[in-house]
Amino acid sequence: MPQPPAPRKTLGRPPRISREEVVTTARRIVDTEGVDRLTMRRLATEIGSTPMALYHHVRNKEELLVLLLDDYATRTLHRPDLPAQPRERIVVAAATIHEALAACPWIVEVLTADDLMATSALWFVEQIVDGLVECGLSPERAVHGYRAIWYYTAGEIVVRVTAARRRTDDDRPTYREQVFADLDPGELPRLVQVADHWAPLTAEDTYLDGLRALVDGLLAPR
């Protein structure tokens, strides 16, 4: 006798997901493949859900990136004991930001590409702006000073990480090395003098030296 048809399986609702799972999975994608590969569809696939289910937790990719920023800041950006001297407070706060961001360069990419920010990191911005004001700057000039410090901090990380990535991807001499090997000593005597040491010199970590010089310049009498 013919067997009765098997009962049809109902799809039902997709498994329930948590915001923590959303953030953890998104963080794994950007850590391994970069921010450009993070999409709501890709995230839903990795979790085993649907894009529509994700919208119960995040409205769009921008909000997802904000969650990632706050998640990273909460886990890694710990408030240090700040010195009483305001000039040193500026340096310590900026150096702490630099240390945290240098360990996760994709964060810098997100922060410099748009107006997104981690609200949990604002305490550090407060310390820098307040320190500049205590050193004699107006609040307006202190904001400009913070912006200069941020540009220096983010730029240093972007340049260093990009250069390291290019060196990893290609073992051949860089274009700069080829040019420096054939400099005209009559026209560029100083560059010829340091050409052989240019790469190791520019690879040294001089962030703190540059930061202190920048702060000194911002606070110099005008």
Foldseek 3Di string as FASTA:
>chain_A
DDDPDDDDDDPDAWDQDDLVLLLVQQVVCCQVPRPVPDALQVSCVVVVHHSVNCCVPPVGVLRSLLVNQQVLCVVQQDDDDADPQLLRLLLVLLVSVLVSCLVPVSNLVVVVVDPHHHPSSVVSVVSQLVSLVVLPDDSVLSVVLSVVSVCLSSVVSVVLVVVVVVCVVDVDDDPLLVDLVDDDCVVCVVSVVCSVPVVVVVNDPCSSVVSSVSSCVSSPDD
